Protein backbone atom coordinates (compact mmCIF):
# COMPACT_ATOMS: atom_id res chain seq x y z
CA MET A 1 69.54 179.29 100.69
CA LYS A 2 66.46 177.11 100.10
CA LYS A 3 65.88 174.02 102.24
CA ALA A 4 65.36 170.40 101.24
CA LEU A 5 64.00 167.61 103.44
CA ILE A 6 65.20 164.14 102.36
CA ILE A 7 63.43 161.03 103.69
CA SER A 8 65.52 157.87 103.52
CA LYS A 9 65.12 155.24 106.22
CA GLU A 10 68.40 153.70 105.03
CA TYR A 11 71.46 155.94 105.06
CA TYR A 12 75.08 156.01 106.16
CA PRO A 13 76.64 153.94 107.74
CA ILE A 14 74.43 151.43 105.89
CA SER A 15 75.96 150.52 102.53
CA ASN A 16 73.66 149.59 99.63
CA GLY A 17 72.64 150.81 96.19
CA SER A 18 69.96 153.20 97.42
CA VAL A 19 72.30 154.84 99.95
CA THR A 20 75.05 155.22 97.34
CA CYS A 21 72.68 156.85 94.84
CA LEU A 22 71.36 159.28 97.44
CA SER A 23 74.75 160.27 98.85
CA ASN A 24 76.06 160.90 95.32
CA LEU A 25 73.07 163.12 94.53
CA LEU A 26 73.33 165.05 97.79
CA GLU A 27 76.89 166.08 96.93
CA GLN A 28 75.25 168.08 94.13
CA PHE A 29 72.10 169.14 95.99
CA THR A 30 74.07 170.72 98.85
CA LYS A 31 75.55 173.21 96.39
CA GLU A 32 72.09 174.79 96.06
CA PHE A 33 70.13 173.75 99.17
CA THR A 34 70.44 173.36 102.90
CA VAL A 35 69.80 169.63 103.20
CA ASP A 36 68.30 167.75 106.16
CA VAL A 37 68.27 163.94 105.85
CA VAL A 38 65.77 162.00 107.98
CA THR A 39 66.82 158.40 108.50
CA PHE A 40 66.43 155.48 110.92
CA LYS A 41 68.48 155.20 114.10
CA ASP A 42 69.70 151.66 113.52
CA ASP A 43 72.24 151.49 116.32
CA LYS A 44 72.30 152.88 119.86
CA SER A 45 75.79 154.27 119.28
CA GLU A 46 74.63 156.43 116.36
CA ALA A 47 74.07 160.12 117.05
CA ILE A 48 70.50 161.40 116.82
CA HIS A 49 71.80 164.56 115.15
CA GLU A 50 75.06 164.96 113.29
CA ARG A 51 76.64 166.86 110.42
CA LEU A 52 77.83 164.65 107.57
CA ASP A 53 78.93 165.57 104.03
CA ASP A 54 77.40 169.06 104.32
CA CYS A 55 74.03 167.56 105.36
CA ASN A 56 72.21 167.62 108.68
CA ILE A 57 71.42 163.99 109.61
CA ILE A 58 68.37 163.37 111.82
CA ARG A 59 67.94 159.79 113.05
CA LEU A 60 64.54 158.62 114.30
CA SER A 61 63.50 155.49 116.14
CA HIS A 62 60.39 154.02 117.76
CA TRP A 63 59.96 150.95 119.94
CA SER A 64 57.95 149.08 117.26
CA ASP A 65 60.51 149.80 114.56
CA ASP A 66 63.37 149.04 116.95
CA ILE A 67 62.10 145.59 117.91
CA MET A 68 61.27 144.50 114.36
CA THR A 69 64.46 145.89 112.86
CA THR A 70 66.66 144.37 115.57
CA ARG A 71 65.19 140.94 114.86
CA ILE A 72 65.64 141.28 111.09
CA ASN A 73 69.24 142.48 111.44
CA TRP A 74 70.09 139.72 113.92
CA LEU A 75 68.80 137.03 111.57
CA ALA A 76 70.68 138.59 108.65
CA THR A 77 74.00 138.61 110.50
CA LEU A 78 73.98 134.99 111.69
CA SER A 79 77.25 133.31 110.76
CA ILE A 80 77.37 130.88 107.86
CA LYS A 81 77.65 128.01 110.35
CA GLN A 82 74.21 128.89 111.73
CA GLN A 83 72.34 129.01 108.42
CA SER A 84 70.92 125.50 108.88
CA ILE A 85 68.89 126.69 111.87
CA LYS A 86 68.14 130.18 110.56
CA LYS A 87 64.59 129.35 109.40
CA THR A 88 63.81 127.72 112.73
CA LEU A 89 65.14 130.74 114.63
CA ALA A 90 63.14 133.07 112.38
CA ALA A 91 59.93 131.18 113.20
CA ILE A 92 60.66 131.01 116.95
CA THR A 93 61.50 134.71 117.25
CA LYS A 94 58.38 135.63 115.30
CA LEU A 95 56.00 134.04 117.82
CA PRO A 96 56.44 136.66 120.58
CA LEU A 97 55.82 139.41 118.03
CA ILE A 98 52.28 138.25 117.25
CA PRO A 99 50.75 140.05 120.29
CA LEU A 100 52.88 143.10 119.43
CA TYR A 101 51.55 142.95 115.87
CA LEU A 102 47.94 142.89 117.08
CA VAL A 103 48.48 145.72 119.57
CA SER A 104 50.33 147.77 116.97
CA LYS A 105 47.59 147.26 114.41
CA LYS A 106 44.90 148.30 116.88
CA SER A 107 46.78 151.45 117.90
CA GLY A 108 47.67 152.40 114.34
CA LEU A 109 51.36 151.64 114.87
CA LEU A 110 51.70 148.61 112.64
CA TYR A 111 55.33 148.04 111.62
CA ASN A 112 55.10 149.38 108.07
CA ASP A 113 53.00 152.37 109.22
CA CYS A 114 54.79 153.36 112.41
CA TRP A 115 57.72 154.87 110.52
CA ALA A 116 55.36 157.33 108.84
CA GLN A 117 53.08 158.02 111.81
CA ASN A 118 55.71 158.37 114.50
CA GLY A 119 58.20 159.92 112.12
CA TYR A 120 55.74 162.71 111.35
CA ARG A 121 54.95 163.31 115.01
CA ASN A 122 58.66 163.54 115.80
CA LEU A 123 59.50 165.84 112.89
CA ASN A 124 56.49 168.09 113.46
CA THR A 125 57.54 168.50 117.10
CA ASN A 126 61.26 169.04 116.59
CA LEU A 127 61.54 170.69 113.16
CA ASP A 128 59.91 173.65 111.48
CA LEU A 129 58.43 171.65 108.60
CA ASN A 130 56.99 174.82 107.05
CA SER A 131 60.53 176.04 106.41
CA TYR A 132 61.25 173.42 103.74
CA ASP A 133 60.89 174.19 100.04
CA PHE A 134 60.39 170.55 99.07
CA VAL A 135 60.59 166.98 100.36
CA LEU A 136 62.31 164.16 98.44
CA ALA A 137 61.64 160.51 99.36
CA MET A 138 63.73 157.51 98.40
CA GLY A 139 61.93 154.31 97.47
CA ALA A 140 62.76 151.70 98.68
CA PRO A 141 62.08 151.04 101.50
CA PHE A 142 58.66 152.26 100.54
CA GLU A 143 57.59 153.46 103.99
CA ASN A 144 59.76 156.49 103.11
CA LEU A 145 57.07 157.51 100.65
CA ASP A 146 54.31 157.30 103.28
CA LEU A 147 56.21 159.61 105.63
CA ALA A 148 57.15 162.06 102.89
CA MET A 149 53.58 162.14 101.54
CA ARG A 150 52.27 162.87 105.04
CA VAL A 151 54.69 165.80 105.43
CA ALA A 152 53.94 167.17 101.95
CA LYS A 153 50.15 167.02 102.38
CA LYS A 154 49.99 168.45 105.88
CA LYS A 155 52.45 171.27 105.18
CA ASN A 156 51.50 171.83 101.53
CA ILE A 157 55.01 171.59 100.15
CA PRO A 158 56.14 169.93 96.87
CA LEU A 159 56.83 166.19 96.97
CA TYR A 160 59.42 164.46 94.79
CA ILE A 161 59.99 160.72 94.69
CA MET A 162 63.07 158.82 93.55
CA GLN A 163 61.79 155.28 93.06
CA LEU A 164 64.53 152.70 92.54
CA ASP A 165 62.36 149.59 92.29
CA LEU A 166 58.88 148.58 91.18
CA PHE A 167 56.26 148.26 93.91
CA SER A 168 52.89 146.93 92.75
CA TYR A 169 54.30 145.47 89.50
CA ASN A 170 57.48 144.08 91.03
CA PRO A 171 58.07 140.65 89.40
CA THR A 172 59.21 139.20 92.74
CA ASN A 173 55.66 139.70 94.09
CA ASP A 174 52.92 137.15 93.63
CA LEU A 175 51.11 139.07 90.90
CA LYS A 176 48.38 136.41 90.89
CA ASP A 177 47.30 137.53 94.36
CA GLN A 178 44.73 140.03 93.16
CA ALA A 179 43.86 141.37 96.61
CA LEU A 180 47.51 142.12 97.41
CA PHE A 181 48.14 143.58 93.96
CA LYS A 182 45.09 145.86 94.29
CA TYR A 183 46.23 147.05 97.72
CA ARG A 184 49.76 147.81 96.51
CA LEU A 185 48.55 149.51 93.34
CA GLU A 186 46.17 151.77 95.27
CA LYS A 187 49.01 152.73 97.61
CA GLU A 188 51.31 153.43 94.67
CA PHE A 189 48.59 155.54 93.03
CA SER A 190 48.33 157.60 96.24
CA TRP A 191 52.07 158.34 96.11
CA TYR A 192 51.96 159.33 92.45
CA GLU A 193 48.85 161.45 92.94
CA ALA A 194 50.54 163.40 95.76
CA ALA A 195 53.90 163.77 93.99
CA ASP A 196 54.94 166.67 91.81
CA GLN A 197 57.49 164.45 90.05
CA VAL A 198 58.51 160.79 90.21
CA PHE A 199 62.05 159.88 89.12
CA VAL A 200 62.56 156.25 88.08
CA THR A 201 65.40 154.34 86.43
CA ASN A 202 65.30 153.89 82.66
CA GLU A 203 64.75 150.14 83.06
CA MET A 204 61.81 150.74 85.39
CA TYR A 205 60.30 153.24 82.98
CA ASP A 206 60.43 150.70 80.15
CA ALA A 207 58.74 148.10 82.39
CA MET A 208 56.04 150.60 83.42
CA LYS A 209 54.99 151.51 79.87
CA GLU A 210 52.32 148.81 79.65
CA THR A 211 51.00 149.30 83.21
CA LYS A 212 48.29 151.40 84.81
CA LEU A 213 51.00 153.63 86.29
CA MET A 214 51.19 155.37 82.90
CA HIS A 215 48.09 157.23 84.03
CA TYR A 216 50.68 159.47 85.67
CA LYS A 217 53.01 159.53 82.67
CA LYS A 218 53.42 163.31 82.78
CA LYS A 219 54.81 163.08 86.30
CA ILE A 220 57.28 160.26 85.62
CA MET A 221 60.84 161.03 84.48
CA PRO A 222 63.39 158.30 83.63
CA ILE A 223 66.96 158.77 84.87
CA GLN A 224 70.05 156.60 85.23
CA MET A 225 71.64 155.44 88.47
CA PRO A 226 73.97 158.30 89.55
CA ASN A 227 76.83 156.01 90.52
CA LEU A 228 79.63 156.84 88.08
CA LYS A 229 82.24 158.60 90.22
CA LYS A 230 85.99 158.83 89.96
CA PRO A 231 87.50 156.36 92.46
CA ASN A 232 88.75 157.86 95.70
CA LEU A 233 92.45 157.00 95.74
CA GLU A 234 92.40 157.30 99.52
CA PHE A 235 91.04 153.76 99.58
CA ASN A 236 93.54 152.30 97.12
CA VAL A 237 95.85 151.08 99.88
CA LYS A 238 96.55 147.54 98.73
CA SER A 239 97.29 145.94 95.37
CA TYR A 240 97.52 142.32 94.28
CA GLU A 241 98.95 143.20 90.87
CA ASP A 242 102.40 141.75 91.52
CA GLY A 243 101.18 138.59 93.29
CA LYS A 244 100.59 135.19 91.74
CA ASP A 245 96.96 135.03 92.87
CA ILE A 246 94.12 136.50 90.86
CA ASN A 247 91.73 138.12 93.33
CA VAL A 248 88.10 138.27 92.22
CA LEU A 249 85.65 140.35 94.25
CA TYR A 250 81.86 140.22 94.56
CA THR A 251 80.09 142.91 96.60
CA GLY A 252 76.40 143.07 97.40
CA MET A 253 73.49 140.81 98.21
CA PHE A 254 72.39 137.48 96.82
CA TYR A 255 68.73 136.45 96.56
CA GLU A 256 67.57 132.91 95.99
CA ASP A 257 64.88 133.99 93.53
CA ILE A 258 66.38 136.89 91.55
CA ARG A 259 70.18 136.86 92.10
CA ASN A 260 71.26 133.34 92.88
CA PRO A 261 75.01 132.51 93.03
CA LYS A 262 74.58 128.78 92.33
CA TYR A 263 75.72 128.76 88.68
CA MET A 264 78.54 131.23 89.30
CA LEU A 265 79.89 129.07 92.14
CA LYS A 266 79.60 125.94 90.02
CA VAL A 267 81.82 127.56 87.38
CA PHE A 268 84.32 128.84 89.93
CA GLU A 269 84.47 125.41 91.56
CA LYS A 270 85.91 123.98 88.37
CA ILE A 271 88.27 126.94 88.08
CA PHE A 272 89.54 126.36 91.64
CA ILE A 273 90.32 122.75 90.81
CA LYS A 274 92.26 123.60 87.68
CA TYR A 275 93.66 127.00 88.70
CA PRO A 276 94.03 127.14 92.51
CA ASN A 277 95.56 130.62 92.36
CA ILE A 278 92.09 132.09 91.81
CA LYS A 279 90.69 133.64 95.00
CA LEU A 280 87.01 134.64 95.25
CA HIS A 281 86.26 137.34 97.84
CA ILE A 282 82.59 137.92 98.78
CA ILE A 283 81.41 140.98 100.70
CA GLY A 284 77.68 140.91 101.41
CA PHE A 285 75.05 138.44 102.49
CA GLY A 286 72.24 136.22 101.25
CA CYS A 287 72.16 132.59 100.06
CA GLU A 288 74.68 131.66 102.77
CA ASP A 289 73.45 128.05 102.70
CA ILE A 290 74.62 127.77 99.08
CA ILE A 291 77.88 129.66 99.62
CA ASN A 292 78.75 127.67 102.74
CA LYS A 293 78.77 124.37 100.84
CA TYR A 294 81.52 125.70 98.59
CA ILE A 295 83.47 127.36 101.41
CA ILE A 296 83.71 124.00 103.17
CA LYS A 297 85.14 122.44 100.02
CA TYR A 298 87.41 125.35 99.03
CA PRO A 299 88.31 127.24 102.23
CA PHE A 300 91.49 128.70 100.70
CA ASN A 301 89.76 129.90 97.53
CA ILE A 302 86.54 131.48 98.86
CA LEU A 303 86.81 134.25 101.44
CA PHE A 304 83.43 135.32 102.81
CA TYR A 305 83.39 138.56 104.83
CA GLY A 306 79.65 139.19 105.36
CA ARG A 307 78.40 142.76 105.67
CA LYS A 308 80.94 145.56 105.55
CA GLY A 309 80.76 149.35 105.62
CA LYS A 310 81.18 151.58 102.58
CA LYS A 311 84.84 152.33 103.28
CA ASP A 312 85.70 148.63 103.40
CA VAL A 313 83.77 147.98 100.19
CA LEU A 314 85.58 150.78 98.33
CA ASP A 315 88.91 149.56 99.67
CA ALA A 316 88.19 146.04 98.43
CA MET A 317 87.02 147.23 95.00
CA ASN A 318 90.15 149.28 94.47
CA SER A 319 92.35 146.41 95.63
CA ALA A 320 90.79 143.59 93.58
CA ASP A 321 92.09 142.34 90.24
CA ILE A 322 88.69 141.38 88.83
CA LEU A 323 85.21 142.58 89.83
CA LEU A 324 82.36 140.05 89.72
CA ASN A 325 78.69 140.77 89.05
CA VAL A 326 75.70 138.44 89.18
CA SER A 327 72.78 140.01 87.32
CA ASN A 328 69.17 139.96 88.41
CA LYS A 329 66.83 137.45 86.82
CA THR A 330 64.52 140.34 85.97
CA ILE A 331 64.94 142.99 83.30
CA THR A 332 63.27 145.74 85.34
CA GLN A 333 66.32 146.67 87.39
CA ALA A 334 70.08 146.19 87.21
CA PRO A 335 72.23 145.83 90.33
CA SER A 336 73.33 149.40 91.01
CA LYS A 337 76.89 148.29 91.75
CA ILE A 338 77.55 147.58 88.05
CA ILE A 339 78.10 151.33 87.49
CA GLU A 340 80.31 151.54 90.58
CA TYR A 341 82.36 148.68 89.14
CA ILE A 342 82.70 150.49 85.83
CA SER A 343 83.89 153.61 87.68
CA THR A 344 86.98 151.76 88.86
CA GLY A 345 88.14 150.91 85.34
CA LYS A 346 88.84 147.35 86.53
CA PRO A 347 88.00 144.19 84.50
CA ILE A 348 84.44 142.96 85.13
CA VAL A 349 82.96 139.46 84.84
CA ASN A 350 79.17 139.37 84.55
CA PHE A 351 77.04 136.25 85.09
CA HIS A 352 73.49 136.55 83.76
CA SER A 353 70.52 134.27 83.19
CA VAL A 354 67.97 136.09 80.98
CA ASP A 355 67.75 137.38 77.43
CA GLY A 356 68.13 141.14 77.26
CA ASP A 357 70.17 141.24 80.47
CA ILE A 358 70.51 144.88 81.53
CA CYS A 359 74.06 144.55 82.84
CA GLU A 360 75.26 142.94 79.62
CA LYS A 361 73.77 145.85 77.67
CA ILE A 362 75.43 148.39 79.97
CA LEU A 363 78.78 146.61 79.63
CA ASN A 364 78.64 146.63 75.82
CA SER A 365 80.41 150.00 75.92
CA TYR A 366 82.98 148.83 78.47
CA GLU A 367 86.17 147.37 77.00
CA TYR A 368 87.29 145.25 79.95
CA SER A 369 84.24 143.03 80.44
CA TYR A 370 83.25 139.42 79.93
CA SER A 371 79.65 138.14 80.20
CA ILE A 372 78.64 134.53 80.84
CA ARG A 373 75.12 133.25 80.23
CA GLU A 374 73.84 130.76 82.82
CA ASP A 375 73.78 127.29 81.24
CA PHE A 376 73.92 124.33 83.60
CA GLU A 377 73.92 121.88 80.68
CA GLY A 378 76.39 123.67 78.42
CA ASN A 379 80.08 123.17 77.68
CA SER A 380 81.51 124.26 81.03
CA GLU A 381 85.09 123.39 80.06
CA ALA A 382 85.04 125.95 77.26
CA ILE A 383 83.58 128.58 79.61
CA ILE A 384 86.22 127.85 82.26
CA GLU A 385 89.08 128.27 79.80
CA GLU A 386 87.63 131.47 78.34
CA LEU A 387 86.96 132.93 81.77
CA PHE A 388 90.42 132.09 83.10
CA ALA A 389 92.04 133.52 79.96
CA PHE A 390 90.09 136.76 80.41
CA MET A 391 91.08 137.08 84.08
CA LYS A 392 94.71 136.24 83.38
CA ASN A 393 95.04 138.58 80.41
CA TYR A 394 93.22 141.52 81.96
CA LYS A 395 94.65 141.34 85.47
CA GLY A 396 96.35 144.64 86.24
CA LYS A 397 94.65 146.52 83.39
CA GLN A 398 92.57 149.58 84.14
CA GLN A 399 90.70 152.05 81.97
CA THR A 400 91.06 155.73 82.77
CA PHE A 401 88.04 157.40 84.33
CA GLU A 402 88.13 160.09 81.65
CA SER A 403 87.65 157.50 78.88
CA ILE A 404 84.86 155.79 80.83
CA GLN A 405 83.05 159.05 81.49
CA LYS A 406 82.73 159.76 77.77
CA SER A 407 80.66 156.59 77.29
CA TYR A 408 78.69 156.79 80.56
CA ILE A 409 78.18 160.51 81.14
CA GLU A 410 74.44 160.02 81.86
CA TYR A 411 75.34 157.92 84.93
CA THR A 412 77.37 160.68 86.62
CA PRO A 413 75.85 162.34 89.71
CA GLU A 414 76.31 165.75 88.08
CA PHE A 415 74.27 164.74 85.01
CA VAL A 416 71.48 163.02 86.97
CA ALA A 417 71.24 165.72 89.64
CA GLU A 418 70.97 168.48 87.05
CA LYS A 419 68.19 166.60 85.28
CA MET A 420 66.29 166.29 88.56
CA LEU A 421 66.98 169.83 89.69
CA LYS A 422 65.58 171.28 86.48
CA LYS A 423 62.21 169.90 87.59
CA ILE A 424 62.66 170.83 91.27
CA ARG A 425 63.71 174.42 90.55
CA VAL A 426 60.52 175.14 88.58
């Protein structure tokens, strides 16, 4: 059986869109390849080598990565009561890292580079890199691509990239900073030049059409997020269907600039006042300063759990009455969880803020959905009544996976994997 080397700094037990996409694809890849996944050793308790889902997992770490990552994770997991001092703590804990930064830069072990440099040294020492038939890198985080490119060039094996977000043309960057843009574009060009094929989401491909990246058009293939899977009933251990409460669940991250919960919480605040049987459950992190203000006011209506593992997230999704999505303020990428939501067959409420919202378009083919356009000055009373009516009327309803699959077949792991493998097998 042929061998595949997968580079993904983020992998199980981490739970996010990139990890979900990769794990879904690997279920298909392992039918044809022996798969080794190289990832980051994020916790001392994690095994350096283990067998998981028919894949060999290899976890790497380095003192520079360890220190930086530990700090980032610690800041991210501060409780909501500590958010007021989070920026101060971030600044204080950054000061001791300045000498480390300078030393790392001088020795060629700068944070963003050490994953590639030390990762290659480790893999070249402990693995037979010449035995692999190809290497596939997940982006983001984008240091995956640097490591994969290094392996592919030094061992002369095919390189494939699955890029889930824009890099140089990402709208969250300061595109007016010409020096930074030039640096990022040159780096992205180096990845594309080295790659045999670059797989990007359909939304990304549309956004790339008017960019310089189209120089590599022949190498770029659009695909959908491979997240449409039949729910695992093992996790369906709790149901609120017979209770008086309507349990609404949000899973994922919030970002102040591209996925802000402010308008959504403003709407739910008015719902809580009028309909106190509505419960909003939030699994994830980000924008805790905003969320905390509402938790203080409505402690019995908002339940904030912070980060949770994949099993807990699936359990919560299968237990909820209504699934809640807050779309990105960009039209270059949809939150990957929207397809996971659709997989459940549960009713979905989508808050969005831009014309041409990707999630709204995706949900057009989904019967049990309701989209709300952000409008701080609009008729909130009408929105509240419509939203409550939707949640009340659709609570307990669920579409069959078979009916969903007919409309969203291109989002299934089988469909996406086969499309990718047709290029890889060549």
